[in-house]
Amino acid sequence: MNTFFEGPVLWSQIDANMHLRHSAYADFAAQARLSMLDKIGLDATHFVQLQIGPILFREELFYHREIGANDKVQVTCEMTKCKADASRWSIKHEIFRGDGTKSATVLVDGAWIDTRKRKLTGLPADLLEKFKAIPRSEDFVEEAI
């Protein structure tokens, strides 16, 4: 399993029904993506120095089973689609509760933005090679540029 985040559910992430609130799923997925990038050698300092950052165009959540207070979560990441130059990409996250039950699937479509110009950009060659190390789903599709 490509687990990139494991952690507890915090009281602040619980809704009135004593379940994990809807936006906390997206927060866990975002943390897993950042951890994944760090693990493959693309830590946040690279992006700050180059003035490049990831942006999302779409985020879609599918809820399968509830997660309760004081539970733990595991979050996986796999790239499902990517342009050959990695200028645009899609990542699937699966969120599991402590007993191993799949609780949610989060799908995101993103790209890279030049934070100075506020325009889409690609990755420099050295970062592109590292980006290609992201685990890929069984149905991964590489798109032409």
C-alpha atoms as a PDB file:
ATOM      1  CA  MET A   1       0.000   0.000   0.000  1.00  0.00           C
ATOM      2  CA  ASN A   2       1.305   3.476  -0.851  1.00  0.00           C
ATOM      3  CA  THR A   3       0.548   5.025   2.541  1.00  0.00           C
ATOM      4  CA  PHE A   4       1.834   8.571   2.859  1.00  0.00           C
ATOM      5  CA  PHE A   5      -0.061   9.765   5.929  1.00  0.00           C
ATOM      6  CA  GLU A   6      -1.115   8.076   9.147  1.00  0.00           C
ATOM      7  CA  GLY A   7      -2.569   9.942  12.074  1.00  0.00           C
ATOM      8  CA  PRO A   8      -5.328  10.397  14.600  1.00  0.00           C
ATOM      9  CA  VAL A   9      -8.686  12.030  14.060  1.00  0.00           C
ATOM     10  CA  LEU A  10      -8.728  15.222  16.102  1.00  0.00           C
ATOM     11  CA  TRP A  11     -11.712  16.574  18.027  1.00  0.00           C
ATOM     12  CA  SER A  12     -11.684  19.660  15.775  1.00  0.00           C
ATOM     13  CA  GLN A  13     -12.293  17.381  12.755  1.00  0.00           C
ATOM     14  CA  ILE A  14     -15.550  15.921  14.124  1.00  0.00           C
ATOM     15  CA  ASP A  15     -19.014  17.095  13.028  1.00  0.00           C
ATOM     16  CA  ALA A  16     -22.272  17.288  15.011  1.00  0.00           C
ATOM     17  CA  ASN A  17     -23.008  13.605  14.234  1.00  0.00           C
ATOM     18  CA  MET A  18     -19.691  12.563  15.840  1.00  0.00           C
ATOM     19  CA  HIS A  19     -18.186  11.651  12.449  1.00  0.00           C
ATOM     20  CA  LEU A  20     -15.198  13.029  10.592  1.00  0.00           C
ATOM     21  CA  ARG A  21     -16.426  16.258   8.956  1.00  0.00           C
ATOM     22  CA  HIS A  22     -16.500  16.427   5.174  1.00  0.00           C
ATOM     23  CA  SER A  23     -13.610  18.873   4.687  1.00  0.00           C
ATOM     24  CA  ALA A  24     -11.273  16.878   6.949  1.00  0.00           C
ATOM     25  CA  TYR A  25     -11.112  14.152   4.275  1.00  0.00           C
ATOM     26  CA  ALA A  26      -9.707  16.704   1.812  1.00  0.00           C
ATOM     27  CA  ASP A  27      -7.271  17.938   4.470  1.00  0.00           C
ATOM     28  CA  PHE A  28      -5.969  14.404   5.034  1.00  0.00           C
ATOM     29  CA  ALA A  29      -5.560  13.908   1.268  1.00  0.00           C
ATOM     30  CA  ALA A  30      -3.646  17.199   0.950  1.00  0.00           C
ATOM     31  CA  GLN A  31      -1.312  16.224   3.795  1.00  0.00           C
ATOM     32  CA  ALA A  32      -0.696  12.840   2.166  1.00  0.00           C
ATOM     33  CA  ARG A  33       0.208  14.560  -1.144  1.00  0.00           C
ATOM     34  CA  LEU A  34       2.697  16.851   0.595  1.00  0.00           C
ATOM     35  CA  SER A  35       4.212  13.903   2.462  1.00  0.00           C
ATOM     36  CA  MET A  36       4.437  11.954  -0.785  1.00  0.00           C
ATOM     37  CA  LEU A  37       6.238  14.801  -2.559  1.00  0.00           C
ATOM     38  CA  ASP A  38       8.635  15.110   0.369  1.00  0.00           C
ATOM     39  CA  LYS A  39       9.319  11.360   0.334  1.00  0.00           C
ATOM     40  CA  ILE A  40      10.333  11.414  -3.348  1.00  0.00           C
ATOM     41  CA  GLY A  41      12.668  14.361  -2.755  1.00  0.00           C
ATOM     42  CA  LEU A  42      10.389  17.265  -3.637  1.00  0.00           C
ATOM     43  CA  ASP A  43      10.134  19.043  -0.327  1.00  0.00           C
ATOM     44  CA  ALA A  44       8.411  22.389   0.034  1.00  0.00           C
ATOM     45  CA  THR A  45      11.704  24.326   0.072  1.00  0.00           C
ATOM     46  CA  HIS A  46      12.317  23.387  -3.594  1.00  0.00           C
ATOM     47  CA  PHE A  47       9.006  24.906  -4.579  1.00  0.00           C
ATOM     48  CA  VAL A  48       9.465  28.054  -2.489  1.00  0.00           C
ATOM     49  CA  GLN A  49      12.929  28.659  -3.961  1.00  0.00           C
ATOM     50  CA  LEU A  50      11.710  28.121  -7.532  1.00  0.00           C
ATOM     51  CA  GLN A  51       8.473  30.005  -6.900  1.00  0.00           C
ATOM     52  CA  ILE A  52       6.439  27.072  -8.201  1.00  0.00           C
ATOM     53  CA  GLY A  53       3.502  25.474  -6.455  1.00  0.00           C
ATOM     54  CA  PRO A  54       0.900  22.777  -6.986  1.00  0.00           C
ATOM     55  CA  ILE A  55      -2.671  23.867  -7.682  1.00  0.00           C
ATOM     56  CA  LEU A  56      -5.889  21.888  -7.953  1.00  0.00           C
ATOM     57  CA  PHE A  57      -8.525  22.235 -10.656  1.00  0.00           C
ATOM     58  CA  ARG A  58     -10.824  19.564  -9.263  1.00  0.00           C
ATOM     59  CA  GLU A  59     -11.254  17.680  -6.023  1.00  0.00           C
ATOM     60  CA  GLU A  60     -13.907  14.987  -5.785  1.00  0.00           C
ATOM     61  CA  LEU A  61     -14.726  12.956  -2.677  1.00  0.00           C
ATOM     62  CA  PHE A  62     -16.577   9.666  -2.462  1.00  0.00           C
ATOM     63  CA  TYR A  63     -17.644   8.666   1.027  1.00  0.00           C
ATOM     64  CA  HIS A  64     -17.806   4.915   1.685  1.00  0.00           C
ATOM     65  CA  ARG A  65     -17.900   4.454   5.490  1.00  0.00           C
ATOM     66  CA  GLU A  66     -17.883   6.888   8.376  1.00  0.00           C
ATOM     67  CA  ILE A  67     -14.864   7.602  10.542  1.00  0.00           C
ATOM     68  CA  GLY A  68     -15.515   8.406  14.173  1.00  0.00           C
ATOM     69  CA  ALA A  69     -13.932  10.404  16.959  1.00  0.00           C
ATOM     70  CA  ASN A  70     -10.642   9.042  18.320  1.00  0.00           C
ATOM     71  CA  ASP A  71     -10.122   6.815  15.288  1.00  0.00           C
ATOM     72  CA  LYS A  72      -6.923   6.726  13.243  1.00  0.00           C
ATOM     73  CA  VAL A  73      -6.589   7.141   9.481  1.00  0.00           C
ATOM     74  CA  GLN A  74      -4.215   5.945   6.784  1.00  0.00           C
ATOM     75  CA  VAL A  75      -4.092   7.757   3.448  1.00  0.00           C
ATOM     76  CA  THR A  76      -2.679   6.365   0.210  1.00  0.00           C
ATOM     77  CA  CYS A  77      -1.653   8.209  -2.964  1.00  0.00           C
ATOM     78  CA  GLU A  78      -1.332   6.980  -6.534  1.00  0.00           C
ATOM     79  CA  MET A  79      -0.997   8.929  -9.726  1.00  0.00           C
ATOM     80  CA  THR A  80      -3.751   7.913 -12.161  1.00  0.00           C
ATOM     81  CA  LYS A  81      -2.954  10.252 -15.049  1.00  0.00           C
ATOM     82  CA  CYS A  82      -0.137  12.578 -16.000  1.00  0.00           C
ATOM     83  CA  LYS A  83       1.034  14.495 -19.043  1.00  0.00           C
ATOM     84  CA  ALA A  84       4.436  13.339 -20.261  1.00  0.00           C
ATOM     85  CA  ASP A  85       5.991  16.597 -19.019  1.00  0.00           C
ATOM     86  CA  ALA A  86       4.067  16.358 -15.690  1.00  0.00           C
ATOM     87  CA  SER A  87       2.500  19.760 -16.315  1.00  0.00           C
ATOM     88  CA  ARG A  88      -0.914  18.305 -15.416  1.00  0.00           C
ATOM     89  CA  TRP A  89      -1.641  15.296 -13.251  1.00  0.00           C
ATOM     90  CA  SER A  90      -4.335  13.364 -11.404  1.00  0.00           C
ATOM     91  CA  ILE A  91      -3.943  11.596  -8.070  1.00  0.00           C
ATOM     92  CA  LYS A  92      -6.208   9.134  -6.291  1.00  0.00           C
ATOM     93  CA  HIS A  93      -6.233   8.920  -2.498  1.00  0.00           C
ATOM     94  CA  GLU A  94      -7.885   6.222  -0.446  1.00  0.00           C
ATOM     95  CA  ILE A  95      -8.600   6.926   3.210  1.00  0.00           C
ATOM     96  CA  PHE A  96      -8.849   3.999   5.600  1.00  0.00           C
ATOM     97  CA  ARG A  97      -9.979   4.085   9.197  1.00  0.00           C
ATOM     98  CA  GLY A  98      -8.095   2.311  11.972  1.00  0.00           C
ATOM     99  CA  ASP A  99      -9.769  -1.067  11.439  1.00  0.00           C
ATOM    100  CA  GLY A 100      -8.682  -1.097   7.766  1.00  0.00           C
ATOM    101  CA  THR A 101     -12.081  -0.231   6.289  1.00  0.00           C
ATOM    102  CA  LYS A 102     -11.908   2.011   3.209  1.00  0.00           C
ATOM    103  CA  SER A 103     -13.819   5.115   4.223  1.00  0.00           C
ATOM    104  CA  ALA A 104     -13.309   7.515   1.332  1.00  0.00           C
ATOM    105  CA  THR A 105     -11.755   8.009  -2.086  1.00  0.00           C
ATOM    106  CA  VAL A 106     -10.461  11.457  -3.024  1.00  0.00           C
ATOM    107  CA  LEU A 107      -9.644  12.274  -6.651  1.00  0.00           C
ATOM    108  CA  VAL A 108      -7.727  15.415  -7.560  1.00  0.00           C
ATOM    109  CA  ASP A 109      -6.637  16.973 -10.862  1.00  0.00           C
ATOM    110  CA  GLY A 110      -3.801  19.460 -10.628  1.00  0.00           C
ATOM    111  CA  ALA A 111      -0.946  21.298 -12.264  1.00  0.00           C
ATOM    112  CA  TRP A 112       2.008  23.535 -11.417  1.00  0.00           C
ATOM    113  CA  ILE A 113       1.806  27.319 -11.205  1.00  0.00           C
ATOM    114  CA  ASP A 114       4.537  29.944 -11.328  1.00  0.00           C
ATOM    115  CA  THR A 115       3.661  31.860  -8.157  1.00  0.00           C
ATOM    116  CA  ARG A 116       5.236  35.096  -9.441  1.00  0.00           C
ATOM    117  CA  LYS A 117       3.619  35.160 -12.880  1.00  0.00           C
ATOM    118  CA  ARG A 118       0.404  33.443 -11.703  1.00  0.00           C
ATOM    119  CA  LYS A 119       0.562  31.272 -14.823  1.00  0.00           C
ATOM    120  CA  LEU A 120       0.768  27.532 -15.337  1.00  0.00           C
ATOM    121  CA  THR A 121       4.267  26.138 -15.735  1.00  0.00           C
ATOM    122  CA  GLY A 122       6.162  22.884 -15.957  1.00  0.00           C
ATOM    123  CA  LEU A 123       8.784  21.450 -13.636  1.00  0.00           C
ATOM    124  CA  PRO A 124      12.521  21.868 -14.173  1.00  0.00           C
ATOM    125  CA  ALA A 125      14.171  18.687 -15.526  1.00  0.00           C
ATOM    126  CA  ASP A 126      15.657  17.617 -12.163  1.00  0.00           C
ATOM    127  CA  LEU A 127      12.311  17.920 -10.377  1.00  0.00           C
ATOM    128  CA  LEU A 128      10.493  16.254 -13.270  1.00  0.00           C
ATOM    129  CA  GLU A 129      12.656  13.144 -12.837  1.00  0.00           C
ATOM    130  CA  LYS A 130      11.815  13.009  -9.129  1.00  0.00           C
ATOM    131  CA  PHE A 131       8.112  13.563  -9.845  1.00  0.00           C
ATOM    132  CA  LYS A 132       8.109  10.458 -12.042  1.00  0.00           C
ATOM    133  CA  ALA A 133       8.827   8.382  -8.895  1.00  0.00           C
ATOM    134  CA  ILE A 134       5.265   8.880  -7.614  1.00  0.00           C
ATOM    135  CA  PRO A 135       3.521   5.499  -7.319  1.00  0.00           C
ATOM    136  CA  ARG A 136       1.206   4.870 -10.273  1.00  0.00           C
ATOM    137  CA  SER A 137      -2.157   3.174 -10.258  1.00  0.00           C
ATOM    138  CA  GLU A 138      -2.734  -0.038 -12.202  1.00  0.00           C
ATOM    139  CA  ASP A 139      -4.816   1.930 -14.717  1.00  0.00           C
ATOM    140  CA  PHE A 140      -2.311   4.810 -15.013  1.00  0.00           C
ATOM    141  CA  VAL A 141      -2.505   6.806 -18.261  1.00  0.00           C
ATOM    142  CA  GLU A 142       0.295   8.979 -19.622  1.00  0.00           C
ATOM    143  CA  GLU A 143      -1.083  11.707 -21.847  1.00  0.00           C
ATOM    144  CA  ALA A 144       0.714  13.432 -24.705  1.00  0.00           C
ATOM    145  CA  ILE A 145       1.894  16.976 -24.193  1.00  0.00           C
END
